[in-house]
mmCIF file of all heavy atoms, coordinates in Angstrom:
data_MODEL
# 
_entry.id   MODEL 
# 
loop_
_atom_site.group_PDB 
_atom_site.id 
_atom_site.type_symbol 
_atom_site.label_atom_id 
_atom_site.label_alt_id 
_atom_site.label_comp_id 
_atom_site.label_asym_id 
_atom_site.label_entity_id 
_atom_site.label_seq_id 
_atom_site.pdbx_PDB_ins_code 
_atom_site.Cartn_x 
_atom_site.Cartn_y 
_atom_site.Cartn_z 
_atom_site.occupancy 
_atom_site.B_iso_or_equiv 
_atom_site.pdbx_formal_charge 
_atom_site.auth_seq_id 
_atom_site.auth_comp_id 
_atom_site.auth_asym_id 
_atom_site.auth_atom_id 
_atom_site.pdbx_PDB_model_num 
ATOM 1   N N   . VAL A 1 1  ? 137.670 116.301 77.946 1.00 0.00 ? 1  VAL A N   1 
ATOM 2   C CA  . VAL A 1 1  ? 137.571 117.129 79.106 1.00 0.00 ? 1  VAL A CA  1 
ATOM 3   C C   . VAL A 1 1  ? 136.050 117.074 79.572 1.00 0.00 ? 1  VAL A C   1 
ATOM 4   O O   . VAL A 1 1  ? 135.310 117.219 78.769 1.00 0.00 ? 1  VAL A O   1 
ATOM 5   C CB  . VAL A 1 1  ? 137.976 118.492 78.896 1.00 0.00 ? 1  VAL A CB  1 
ATOM 6   C CG1 . VAL A 1 1  ? 137.811 119.328 80.225 1.00 0.00 ? 1  VAL A CG1 1 
ATOM 7   C CG2 . VAL A 1 1  ? 139.467 118.497 78.560 1.00 0.00 ? 1  VAL A CG2 1 
ATOM 8   N N   . LEU A 1 2  ? 135.845 116.985 80.865 1.00 0.00 ? 2  LEU A N   1 
ATOM 9   C CA  . LEU A 1 2  ? 134.429 117.022 81.427 1.00 0.00 ? 2  LEU A CA  1 
ATOM 10  C C   . LEU A 1 2  ? 134.361 118.032 82.552 1.00 0.00 ? 2  LEU A C   1 
ATOM 11  O O   . LEU A 1 2  ? 134.895 117.818 83.561 1.00 0.00 ? 2  LEU A O   1 
ATOM 12  C CB  . LEU A 1 2  ? 134.060 115.631 82.027 1.00 0.00 ? 2  LEU A CB  1 
ATOM 13  C CG  . LEU A 1 2  ? 132.533 115.310 82.438 1.00 0.00 ? 2  LEU A CG  1 
ATOM 14  C CD1 . LEU A 1 2  ? 131.619 115.574 81.246 1.00 0.00 ? 2  LEU A CD1 1 
ATOM 15  C CD2 . LEU A 1 2  ? 132.476 113.932 82.949 1.00 0.00 ? 2  LEU A CD2 1 
ATOM 16  N N   . ASP A 1 3  ? 133.701 119.122 82.210 1.00 0.00 ? 3  ASP A N   1 
ATOM 17  C CA  . ASP A 1 3  ? 133.526 120.208 83.167 1.00 0.00 ? 3  ASP A CA  1 
ATOM 18  C C   . ASP A 1 3  ? 132.187 120.077 83.791 1.00 0.00 ? 3  ASP A C   1 
ATOM 19  O O   . ASP A 1 3  ? 131.174 119.967 83.077 1.00 0.00 ? 3  ASP A O   1 
ATOM 20  C CB  . ASP A 1 3  ? 133.678 121.533 82.538 1.00 0.00 ? 3  ASP A CB  1 
ATOM 21  C CG  . ASP A 1 3  ? 135.018 121.850 81.993 1.00 0.00 ? 3  ASP A CG  1 
ATOM 22  O OD1 . ASP A 1 3  ? 135.960 121.506 82.810 1.00 0.00 ? 3  ASP A OD1 1 
ATOM 23  O OD2 . ASP A 1 3  ? 135.206 122.397 80.953 1.00 0.00 ? 3  ASP A OD2 1 
ATOM 24  N N   . VAL A 1 4  ? 132.213 119.943 85.196 1.00 0.00 ? 4  VAL A N   1 
ATOM 25  C CA  . VAL A 1 4  ? 130.868 119.774 85.855 1.00 0.00 ? 4  VAL A CA  1 
ATOM 26  C C   . VAL A 1 4  ? 130.445 121.015 86.614 1.00 0.00 ? 4  VAL A C   1 
ATOM 27  O O   . VAL A 1 4  ? 131.227 121.484 87.372 1.00 0.00 ? 4  VAL A O   1 
ATOM 28  C CB  . VAL A 1 4  ? 130.992 118.568 86.891 1.00 0.00 ? 4  VAL A CB  1 
ATOM 29  C CG1 . VAL A 1 4  ? 129.651 118.488 87.580 1.00 0.00 ? 4  VAL A CG1 1 
ATOM 30  C CG2 . VAL A 1 4  ? 131.228 117.345 86.120 1.00 0.00 ? 4  VAL A CG2 1 
ATOM 31  N N   . GLY A 1 5  ? 129.443 121.635 86.250 1.00 0.00 ? 5  GLY A N   1 
ATOM 32  C CA  . GLY A 1 5  ? 128.924 122.933 86.848 1.00 0.00 ? 5  GLY A CA  1 
ATOM 33  C C   . GLY A 1 5  ? 127.572 122.563 87.669 1.00 0.00 ? 5  GLY A C   1 
ATOM 34  O O   . GLY A 1 5  ? 127.207 121.343 87.758 1.00 0.00 ? 5  GLY A O   1 
ATOM 35  N N   . GLU A 1 6  ? 127.039 123.485 88.247 1.00 0.00 ? 6  GLU A N   1 
ATOM 36  C CA  . GLU A 1 6  ? 125.711 123.222 89.004 1.00 0.00 ? 6  GLU A CA  1 
ATOM 37  C C   . GLU A 1 6  ? 124.687 122.835 88.200 1.00 0.00 ? 6  GLU A C   1 
ATOM 38  O O   . GLU A 1 6  ? 123.814 122.049 88.649 1.00 0.00 ? 6  GLU A O   1 
ATOM 39  C CB  . GLU A 1 6  ? 125.368 124.644 89.887 1.00 0.00 ? 6  GLU A CB  1 
ATOM 40  C CG  . GLU A 1 6  ? 126.119 124.787 91.079 1.00 0.00 ? 6  GLU A CG  1 
ATOM 41  C CD  . GLU A 1 6  ? 125.620 125.980 91.891 1.00 0.00 ? 6  GLU A CD  1 
ATOM 42  O OE1 . GLU A 1 6  ? 124.348 126.097 91.969 1.00 0.00 ? 6  GLU A OE1 1 
ATOM 43  O OE2 . GLU A 1 6  ? 126.394 126.732 92.387 1.00 0.00 ? 6  GLU A OE2 1 
ATOM 44  N N   . ASP A 1 7  ? 124.470 123.489 87.036 1.00 0.00 ? 7  ASP A N   1 
ATOM 45  C CA  . ASP A 1 7  ? 123.218 123.291 86.227 1.00 0.00 ? 7  ASP A CA  1 
ATOM 46  C C   . ASP A 1 7  ? 123.654 122.482 84.916 1.00 0.00 ? 7  ASP A C   1 
ATOM 47  O O   . ASP A 1 7  ? 122.690 121.989 84.253 1.00 0.00 ? 7  ASP A O   1 
ATOM 48  C CB  . ASP A 1 7  ? 122.640 124.574 85.743 1.00 0.00 ? 7  ASP A CB  1 
ATOM 49  C CG  . ASP A 1 7  ? 122.241 125.305 86.996 1.00 0.00 ? 7  ASP A CG  1 
ATOM 50  O OD1 . ASP A 1 7  ? 121.807 124.720 87.934 1.00 0.00 ? 7  ASP A OD1 1 
ATOM 51  O OD2 . ASP A 1 7  ? 122.324 126.515 86.940 1.00 0.00 ? 7  ASP A OD2 1 
ATOM 52  N N   . THR A 1 8  ? 124.869 122.296 84.651 1.00 0.00 ? 8  THR A N   1 
ATOM 53  C CA  . THR A 1 8  ? 125.168 121.565 83.381 1.00 0.00 ? 8  THR A CA  1 
ATOM 54  C C   . THR A 1 8  ? 126.460 120.729 83.519 1.00 0.00 ? 8  THR A C   1 
ATOM 55  O O   . THR A 1 8  ? 127.318 121.019 84.349 1.00 0.00 ? 8  THR A O   1 
ATOM 56  C CB  . THR A 1 8  ? 125.416 122.526 82.149 1.00 0.00 ? 8  THR A CB  1 
ATOM 57  O OG1 . THR A 1 8  ? 126.416 123.456 82.462 1.00 0.00 ? 8  THR A OG1 1 
ATOM 58  C CG2 . THR A 1 8  ? 124.148 123.374 81.866 1.00 0.00 ? 8  THR A CG2 1 
ATOM 59  N N   . VAL A 1 9  ? 126.649 119.861 82.655 1.00 0.00 ? 9  VAL A N   1 
ATOM 60  C CA  . VAL A 1 9  ? 127.749 119.019 82.499 1.00 0.00 ? 9  VAL A CA  1 
ATOM 61  C C   . VAL A 1 9  ? 128.290 119.329 80.966 1.00 0.00 ? 9  VAL A C   1 
ATOM 62  O O   . VAL A 1 9  ? 127.519 119.250 80.216 1.00 0.00 ? 9  VAL A O   1 
ATOM 63  C CB  . VAL A 1 9  ? 127.663 117.469 82.766 1.00 0.00 ? 9  VAL A CB  1 
ATOM 64  C CG1 . VAL A 1 9  ? 128.873 116.755 82.319 1.00 0.00 ? 9  VAL A CG1 1 
ATOM 65  C CG2 . VAL A 1 9  ? 127.199 117.292 84.173 1.00 0.00 ? 9  VAL A CG2 1 
ATOM 66  N N   . THR A 1 10 ? 129.510 119.823 80.882 1.00 0.00 ? 10 THR A N   1 
ATOM 67  C CA  . THR A 1 10 ? 130.017 120.102 79.678 1.00 0.00 ? 10 THR A CA  1 
ATOM 68  C C   . THR A 1 10 ? 131.226 119.258 79.151 1.00 0.00 ? 10 THR A C   1 
ATOM 69  O O   . THR A 1 10 ? 132.359 119.406 79.620 1.00 0.00 ? 10 THR A O   1 
ATOM 70  C CB  . THR A 1 10 ? 130.421 121.616 79.576 1.00 0.00 ? 10 THR A CB  1 
ATOM 71  O OG1 . THR A 1 10 ? 129.364 122.312 80.136 1.00 0.00 ? 10 THR A OG1 1 
ATOM 72  C CG2 . THR A 1 10 ? 130.738 122.056 78.118 1.00 0.00 ? 10 THR A CG2 1 
ATOM 73  N N   . PRO A 1 11 ? 130.909 118.188 78.386 1.00 0.00 ? 11 PRO A N   1 
ATOM 74  C CA  . PRO A 1 11 ? 132.064 117.403 77.883 1.00 0.00 ? 11 PRO A CA  1 
ATOM 75  C C   . PRO A 1 11 ? 132.591 118.047 76.507 1.00 0.00 ? 11 PRO A C   1 
ATOM 76  O O   . PRO A 1 11 ? 131.763 118.509 75.834 1.00 0.00 ? 11 PRO A O   1 
ATOM 77  C CB  . PRO A 1 11 ? 131.371 116.060 77.630 1.00 0.00 ? 11 PRO A CB  1 
ATOM 78  C CG  . PRO A 1 11 ? 129.941 116.464 77.234 1.00 0.00 ? 11 PRO A CG  1 
ATOM 79  C CD  . PRO A 1 11 ? 129.664 117.693 78.115 1.00 0.00 ? 11 PRO A CD  1 
ATOM 80  N N   . SER A 1 12 ? 133.922 117.908 76.383 1.00 0.00 ? 12 SER A N   1 
ATOM 81  C CA  . SER A 1 12 ? 134.430 118.326 75.137 1.00 0.00 ? 12 SER A CA  1 
ATOM 82  C C   . SER A 1 12 ? 135.524 117.310 74.693 1.00 0.00 ? 12 SER A C   1 
ATOM 83  O O   . SER A 1 12 ? 136.241 116.821 75.432 1.00 0.00 ? 12 SER A O   1 
ATOM 84  C CB  . SER A 1 12 ? 134.906 119.772 75.209 1.00 0.00 ? 12 SER A CB  1 
ATOM 85  O OG  . SER A 1 12 ? 135.862 119.872 76.315 1.00 0.00 ? 12 SER A OG  1 
ATOM 86  N N   . ALA A 1 13 ? 135.542 117.230 73.375 1.00 0.00 ? 13 ALA A N   1 
ATOM 87  C CA  . ALA A 1 13 ? 136.590 116.312 72.697 1.00 0.00 ? 13 ALA A CA  1 
ATOM 88  C C   . ALA A 1 13 ? 136.721 116.700 71.342 1.00 0.00 ? 13 ALA A C   1 
ATOM 89  O O   . ALA A 1 13 ? 135.814 116.986 70.625 1.00 0.00 ? 13 ALA A O   1 
ATOM 90  C CB  . ALA A 1 13 ? 136.249 114.883 72.924 1.00 0.00 ? 13 ALA A CB  1 
ATOM 91  N N   . VAL A 1 14 ? 137.913 116.560 70.804 1.00 0.00 ? 14 VAL A N   1 
ATOM 92  C CA  . VAL A 1 14 ? 138.270 116.845 69.349 1.00 0.00 ? 14 VAL A CA  1 
ATOM 93  C C   . VAL A 1 14 ? 137.501 118.177 68.939 1.00 0.00 ? 14 VAL A C   1 
ATOM 94  O O   . VAL A 1 14 ? 137.003 118.252 67.792 1.00 0.00 ? 14 VAL A O   1 
ATOM 95  C CB  . VAL A 1 14 ? 137.716 115.512 68.507 1.00 0.00 ? 14 VAL A CB  1 
ATOM 96  C CG1 . VAL A 1 14 ? 138.331 115.680 67.153 1.00 0.00 ? 14 VAL A CG1 1 
ATOM 97  C CG2 . VAL A 1 14 ? 138.143 114.305 69.216 1.00 0.00 ? 14 VAL A CG2 1 
ATOM 98  N N   . GLY A 1 15 ? 137.543 119.127 69.668 1.00 0.00 ? 15 GLY A N   1 
ATOM 99  C CA  . GLY A 1 15 ? 137.158 120.508 69.361 1.00 0.00 ? 15 GLY A CA  1 
ATOM 100 C C   . GLY A 1 15 ? 135.599 120.606 69.297 1.00 0.00 ? 15 GLY A C   1 
ATOM 101 O O   . GLY A 1 15 ? 135.105 121.654 68.882 1.00 0.00 ? 15 GLY A O   1 
ATOM 102 N N   . THR A 1 16 ? 134.895 119.640 69.803 1.00 0.00 ? 16 THR A N   1 
ATOM 103 C CA  . THR A 1 16 ? 133.444 119.695 69.945 1.00 0.00 ? 16 THR A CA  1 
ATOM 104 C C   . THR A 1 16 ? 133.021 119.811 71.337 1.00 0.00 ? 16 THR A C   1 
ATOM 105 O O   . THR A 1 16 ? 133.656 119.053 72.191 1.00 0.00 ? 16 THR A O   1 
ATOM 106 C CB  . THR A 1 16 ? 132.888 118.389 69.276 1.00 0.00 ? 16 THR A CB  1 
ATOM 107 O OG1 . THR A 1 16 ? 133.315 118.323 67.912 1.00 0.00 ? 16 THR A OG1 1 
ATOM 108 C CG2 . THR A 1 16 ? 131.270 118.558 69.243 1.00 0.00 ? 16 THR A CG2 1 
ATOM 109 N N   . VAL A 1 17 ? 132.163 120.755 71.735 1.00 0.00 ? 17 VAL A N   1 
ATOM 110 C CA  . VAL A 1 17 ? 131.714 120.881 72.941 1.00 0.00 ? 17 VAL A CA  1 
ATOM 111 C C   . VAL A 1 17 ? 130.130 120.658 73.104 1.00 0.00 ? 17 VAL A C   1 
ATOM 112 O O   . VAL A 1 17 ? 129.488 121.023 72.158 1.00 0.00 ? 17 VAL A O   1 
ATOM 113 C CB  . VAL A 1 17 ? 132.027 122.291 73.483 1.00 0.00 ? 17 VAL A CB  1 
ATOM 114 C CG1 . VAL A 1 17 ? 131.522 122.536 74.889 1.00 0.00 ? 17 VAL A CG1 1 
ATOM 115 C CG2 . VAL A 1 17 ? 133.523 122.671 73.418 1.00 0.00 ? 17 VAL A CG2 1 
ATOM 116 N N   . TYR A 1 18 ? 129.728 119.945 74.165 1.00 0.00 ? 18 TYR A N   1 
ATOM 117 C CA  . TYR A 1 18 ? 128.251 119.626 74.370 1.00 0.00 ? 18 TYR A CA  1 
ATOM 118 C C   . TYR A 1 18 ? 127.828 120.258 75.616 1.00 0.00 ? 18 TYR A C   1 
ATOM 119 O O   . TYR A 1 18 ? 128.679 120.438 76.566 1.00 0.00 ? 18 TYR A O   1 
ATOM 120 C CB  . TYR A 1 18 ? 128.085 118.087 74.332 1.00 0.00 ? 18 TYR A CB  1 
ATOM 121 C CG  . TYR A 1 18 ? 128.557 117.450 73.179 1.00 0.00 ? 18 TYR A CG  1 
ATOM 122 C CD1 . TYR A 1 18 ? 129.877 116.933 72.994 1.00 0.00 ? 18 TYR A CD1 1 
ATOM 123 C CD2 . TYR A 1 18 ? 127.752 117.188 72.052 1.00 0.00 ? 18 TYR A CD2 1 
ATOM 124 C CE1 . TYR A 1 18 ? 130.332 116.302 71.829 1.00 0.00 ? 18 TYR A CE1 1 
ATOM 125 C CE2 . TYR A 1 18 ? 128.120 116.530 70.980 1.00 0.00 ? 18 TYR A CE2 1 
ATOM 126 C CZ  . TYR A 1 18 ? 129.400 116.133 70.801 1.00 0.00 ? 18 TYR A CZ  1 
ATOM 127 O OH  . TYR A 1 18 ? 129.877 115.449 69.717 1.00 0.00 ? 18 TYR A OH  1 
ATOM 128 N N   . GLU A 1 19 ? 126.577 120.511 75.780 1.00 0.00 ? 19 GLU A N   1 
ATOM 129 C CA  . GLU A 1 19 ? 126.037 120.911 77.032 1.00 0.00 ? 19 GLU A CA  1 
ATOM 130 C C   . GLU A 1 19 ? 124.960 119.879 77.447 1.00 0.00 ? 19 GLU A C   1 
ATOM 131 O O   . GLU A 1 19 ? 124.021 119.697 76.673 1.00 0.00 ? 19 GLU A O   1 
ATOM 132 C CB  . GLU A 1 19 ? 125.452 122.315 76.966 1.00 0.00 ? 19 GLU A CB  1 
ATOM 133 C CG  . GLU A 1 19 ? 125.102 122.843 78.313 1.00 0.00 ? 19 GLU A CG  1 
ATOM 134 C CD  . GLU A 1 19 ? 124.795 124.371 78.190 1.00 0.00 ? 19 GLU A CD  1 
ATOM 135 O OE1 . GLU A 1 19 ? 125.582 125.188 78.135 1.00 0.00 ? 19 GLU A OE1 1 
ATOM 136 O OE2 . GLU A 1 19 ? 123.518 124.628 78.290 1.00 0.00 ? 19 GLU A OE2 1 
ATOM 137 N N   . CYS A 1 20 ? 125.156 119.418 78.640 1.00 0.00 ? 20 CYS A N   1 
ATOM 138 C CA  . CYS A 1 20 ? 124.173 118.258 79.020 1.00 0.00 ? 20 CYS A CA  1 
ATOM 139 C C   . CYS A 1 20 ? 123.649 118.490 80.435 1.00 0.00 ? 20 CYS A C   1 
ATOM 140 O O   . CYS A 1 20 ? 124.309 119.288 81.153 1.00 0.00 ? 20 CYS A O   1 
ATOM 141 C CB  . CYS A 1 20 ? 125.035 116.935 79.060 1.00 0.00 ? 20 CYS A CB  1 
ATOM 142 S SG  . CYS A 1 20 ? 125.748 116.485 77.525 1.00 0.00 ? 20 CYS A SG  1 
ATOM 143 N N   . ALA A 1 21 ? 122.602 117.839 80.685 1.00 0.00 ? 21 ALA A N   1 
ATOM 144 C CA  . ALA A 1 21 ? 121.967 117.908 82.056 1.00 0.00 ? 21 ALA A CA  1 
ATOM 145 C C   . ALA A 1 21 ? 122.931 117.364 83.035 1.00 0.00 ? 21 ALA A C   1 
ATOM 146 O O   . ALA A 1 21 ? 123.770 116.393 82.720 1.00 0.00 ? 21 ALA A O   1 
ATOM 147 C CB  . ALA A 1 21 ? 120.625 117.215 81.987 1.00 0.00 ? 21 ALA A CB  1 
ATOM 148 N N   . PRO A 1 22 ? 122.842 117.733 84.290 1.00 0.00 ? 22 PRO A N   1 
ATOM 149 C CA  . PRO A 1 22 ? 123.735 117.147 85.314 1.00 0.00 ? 22 PRO A CA  1 
ATOM 150 C C   . PRO A 1 22 ? 123.599 115.672 85.442 1.00 0.00 ? 22 PRO A C   1 
ATOM 151 O O   . PRO A 1 22 ? 124.619 114.983 85.827 1.00 0.00 ? 22 PRO A O   1 
ATOM 152 C CB  . PRO A 1 22 ? 123.256 117.782 86.619 1.00 0.00 ? 22 PRO A CB  1 
ATOM 153 C CG  . PRO A 1 22 ? 122.610 119.026 86.232 1.00 0.00 ? 22 PRO A CG  1 
ATOM 154 C CD  . PRO A 1 22 ? 121.984 118.774 84.878 1.00 0.00 ? 22 PRO A CD  1 
ATOM 155 N N   . GLU A 1 23 ? 122.509 115.078 85.166 1.00 0.00 ? 23 GLU A N   1 
ATOM 156 C CA  . GLU A 1 23 ? 122.246 113.599 85.258 1.00 0.00 ? 23 GLU A CA  1 
ATOM 157 C C   . GLU A 1 23 ? 123.226 112.830 84.305 1.00 0.00 ? 23 GLU A C   1 
ATOM 158 O O   . GLU A 1 23 ? 123.448 111.658 84.424 1.00 0.00 ? 23 GLU A O   1 
ATOM 159 C CB  . GLU A 1 23 ? 120.868 113.310 84.920 1.00 0.00 ? 23 GLU A CB  1 
ATOM 160 C CG  . GLU A 1 23 ? 119.909 113.748 85.992 1.00 0.00 ? 23 GLU A CG  1 
ATOM 161 C CD  . GLU A 1 23 ? 119.409 115.235 85.691 1.00 0.00 ? 23 GLU A CD  1 
ATOM 162 O OE1 . GLU A 1 23 ? 119.700 115.874 84.733 1.00 0.00 ? 23 GLU A OE1 1 
ATOM 163 O OE2 . GLU A 1 23 ? 118.865 115.783 86.529 1.00 0.00 ? 23 GLU A OE2 1 
ATOM 164 N N   . ALA A 1 24 ? 123.662 113.516 83.245 1.00 0.00 ? 24 ALA A N   1 
ATOM 165 C CA  . ALA A 1 24 ? 124.508 112.915 82.256 1.00 0.00 ? 24 ALA A CA  1 
ATOM 166 C C   . ALA A 1 24 ? 125.929 112.586 82.780 1.00 0.00 ? 24 ALA A C   1 
ATOM 167 O O   . ALA A 1 24 ? 126.710 111.830 82.130 1.00 0.00 ? 24 ALA A O   1 
ATOM 168 C CB  . ALA A 1 24 ? 124.537 113.750 80.953 1.00 0.00 ? 24 ALA A CB  1 
ATOM 169 N N   . GLU A 1 25 ? 126.327 113.207 83.830 1.00 0.00 ? 25 GLU A N   1 
ATOM 170 C CA  . GLU A 1 25 ? 127.690 112.930 84.303 1.00 0.00 ? 25 GLU A CA  1 
ATOM 171 C C   . GLU A 1 25 ? 128.012 111.674 84.687 1.00 0.00 ? 25 GLU A C   1 
ATOM 172 O O   . GLU A 1 25 ? 129.110 111.077 84.269 1.00 0.00 ? 25 GLU A O   1 
ATOM 173 C CB  . GLU A 1 25 ? 127.917 113.775 85.669 1.00 0.00 ? 25 GLU A CB  1 
ATOM 174 C CG  . GLU A 1 25 ? 129.370 113.634 86.166 1.00 0.00 ? 25 GLU A CG  1 
ATOM 175 C CD  . GLU A 1 25 ? 129.808 114.351 87.460 1.00 0.00 ? 25 GLU A CD  1 
ATOM 176 O OE1 . GLU A 1 25 ? 128.861 114.935 88.049 1.00 0.00 ? 25 GLU A OE1 1 
ATOM 177 O OE2 . GLU A 1 25 ? 130.921 114.268 87.784 1.00 0.00 ? 25 GLU A OE2 1 
ATOM 178 N N   . ALA A 1 26 ? 127.038 110.778 85.132 1.00 0.00 ? 26 ALA A N   1 
ATOM 179 C CA  . ALA A 1 26 ? 127.209 109.430 85.474 1.00 0.00 ? 26 ALA A CA  1 
ATOM 180 C C   . ALA A 1 26 ? 127.460 108.580 84.225 1.00 0.00 ? 26 ALA A C   1 
ATOM 181 O O   . ALA A 1 26 ? 128.189 107.592 84.281 1.00 0.00 ? 26 ALA A O   1 
ATOM 182 C CB  . ALA A 1 26 ? 126.131 108.818 86.241 1.00 0.00 ? 26 ALA A CB  1 
ATOM 183 N N   . VAL A 1 27 ? 127.015 109.007 83.133 1.00 0.00 ? 27 VAL A N   1 
ATOM 184 C CA  . VAL A 1 27 ? 127.231 108.450 81.883 1.00 0.00 ? 27 VAL A CA  1 
ATOM 185 C C   . VAL A 1 27 ? 128.644 108.874 81.230 1.00 0.00 ? 27 VAL A C   1 
ATOM 186 O O   . VAL A 1 27 ? 129.354 108.095 80.627 1.00 0.00 ? 27 VAL A O   1 
ATOM 187 C CB  . VAL A 1 27 ? 126.021 108.606 80.795 1.00 0.00 ? 27 VAL A CB  1 
ATOM 188 C CG1 . VAL A 1 27 ? 126.432 108.137 79.400 1.00 0.00 ? 27 VAL A CG1 1 
ATOM 189 C CG2 . VAL A 1 27 ? 124.811 108.076 81.358 1.00 0.00 ? 27 VAL A CG2 1 
ATOM 190 N N   . LEU A 1 28 ? 128.826 110.167 81.271 1.00 0.00 ? 28 LEU A N   1 
ATOM 191 C CA  . LEU A 1 28 ? 129.985 110.770 80.670 1.00 0.00 ? 28 LEU A CA  1 
ATOM 192 C C   . LEU A 1 28 ? 131.296 110.538 81.249 1.00 0.00 ? 28 LEU A C   1 
ATOM 193 O O   . LEU A 1 28 ? 132.307 110.423 80.732 1.00 0.00 ? 28 LEU A O   1 
ATOM 194 C CB  . LEU A 1 28 ? 129.757 112.270 80.398 1.00 0.00 ? 28 LEU A CB  1 
ATOM 195 C CG  . LEU A 1 28 ? 128.483 112.670 79.448 1.00 0.00 ? 28 LEU A CG  1 
ATOM 196 C CD1 . LEU A 1 28 ? 128.207 114.142 79.619 1.00 0.00 ? 28 LEU A CD1 1 
ATOM 197 C CD2 . LEU A 1 28 ? 128.811 112.172 78.026 1.00 0.00 ? 28 LEU A CD2 1 
ATOM 198 N N   . ARG A 1 29 ? 131.329 110.460 82.631 1.00 0.00 ? 29 ARG A N   1 
ATOM 199 C CA  . ARG A 1 29 ? 132.507 110.339 83.519 1.00 0.00 ? 29 ARG A CA  1 
ATOM 200 C C   . ARG A 1 29 ? 133.256 109.107 83.101 1.00 0.00 ? 29 ARG A C   1 
ATOM 201 O O   . ARG A 1 29 ? 134.608 109.267 82.741 1.00 0.00 ? 29 ARG A O   1 
ATOM 202 C CB  . ARG A 1 29 ? 132.119 110.335 85.010 1.00 0.00 ? 29 ARG A CB  1 
ATOM 203 C CG  . ARG A 1 29 ? 133.364 110.199 85.876 1.00 0.00 ? 29 ARG A CG  1 
ATOM 204 C CD  . ARG A 1 29 ? 134.429 111.268 85.732 1.00 0.00 ? 29 ARG A CD  1 
ATOM 205 N NE  . ARG A 1 29 ? 133.736 112.480 86.229 1.00 0.00 ? 29 ARG A NE  1 
ATOM 206 C CZ  . ARG A 1 29 ? 134.299 113.666 85.961 1.00 0.00 ? 29 ARG A CZ  1 
ATOM 207 N NH1 . ARG A 1 29 ? 135.430 113.799 85.503 1.00 0.00 ? 29 ARG A NH1 1 
ATOM 208 N NH2 . ARG A 1 29 ? 133.703 114.806 86.402 1.00 0.00 ? 29 ARG A NH2 1 
# 
């Protein structure tokens, strides 16, 4: 799952959640 907010992009998978800068969305999507 990839949740995109104003200030962060939050990917999660297999019970692990990360908090990334918005610029990471182009990599994570």
